[in-house]
């Protein structure tokens, strides 16, 4: 049991899962080349899903 200011490490609470790489042929915005998962490793990534209605 945790108490006070104790924080569990993510390594103790979840197992590592690898995300699949992006498929070829996607349209990318605000980047000069397609991204790869390896390019994002160790970075904070925010996903913003939107659509035209």
Protein backbone atom coordinates (compact mmCIF):
# COMPACT_ATOMS: atom_id res chain seq x y z
CA UNK A 1 0.00 0.00 0.00
CA UNK A 2 1.24 3.47 -0.85
CA UNK A 3 1.00 6.30 1.55
CA UNK A 4 1.92 9.97 1.65
CA UNK A 5 4.18 11.02 -1.20
CA UNK A 6 5.16 7.57 -2.46
CA UNK A 7 4.92 7.11 -6.22
CA UNK A 8 5.20 3.76 -7.96
CA UNK A 9 7.57 3.54 -10.88
CA UNK A 10 5.86 2.86 -14.25
CA UNK A 11 8.14 -0.13 -14.62
CA UNK A 12 6.51 -1.75 -11.61
CA UNK A 13 2.94 -1.07 -12.70
CA UNK A 14 2.86 -1.95 -16.42
CA UNK A 15 4.76 -4.11 -18.86
CA UNK A 16 6.48 -2.60 -21.88
CA UNK A 17 4.48 -2.66 -25.11
CA UNK A 18 5.93 -1.61 -28.45
CA UNK A 19 3.75 0.47 -30.73
CA UNK A 20 3.69 -0.51 -34.40
CA UNK A 21 5.46 1.74 -36.89
CA UNK A 22 3.40 4.07 -39.09
CA UNK A 23 2.28 2.71 -42.45
CA UNK A 24 3.79 4.10 -45.67
CA UNK A 25 1.87 6.68 -47.68
CA UNK A 26 0.43 8.77 -44.82
CA UNK A 27 0.04 12.55 -45.20
CA UNK A 28 2.06 14.45 -42.58
CA UNK A 29 1.61 18.05 -41.43
CA UNK A 30 4.30 20.36 -40.03
CA UNK A 31 7.19 18.01 -40.76
CA UNK A 32 9.61 17.77 -43.65
CA UNK A 33 9.56 13.97 -43.77
CA UNK A 34 7.42 11.07 -42.53
CA UNK A 35 7.90 10.23 -38.85
CA UNK A 36 8.98 6.86 -37.54
CA UNK A 37 8.37 5.46 -34.07
CA UNK A 38 12.14 5.44 -33.55
CA UNK A 39 12.11 9.25 -34.06
CA UNK A 40 9.66 9.61 -31.16
CA UNK A 41 11.34 7.30 -28.64
CA UNK A 42 11.94 9.05 -25.32
CA UNK A 43 9.78 12.05 -26.24
CA UNK A 44 6.43 13.21 -24.94
CA UNK A 45 3.90 12.69 -27.75
CA UNK A 46 0.48 14.34 -27.82
CA UNK A 47 -2.06 12.88 -30.23
CA UNK A 48 -4.69 15.23 -31.60
CA UNK A 49 -7.43 13.44 -33.54
CA UNK A 50 -9.74 15.62 -35.62
CA UNK A 51 -11.88 15.40 -38.70
CA UNK A 52 -13.70 17.66 -41.12
CA UNK A 53 -17.45 17.64 -40.59
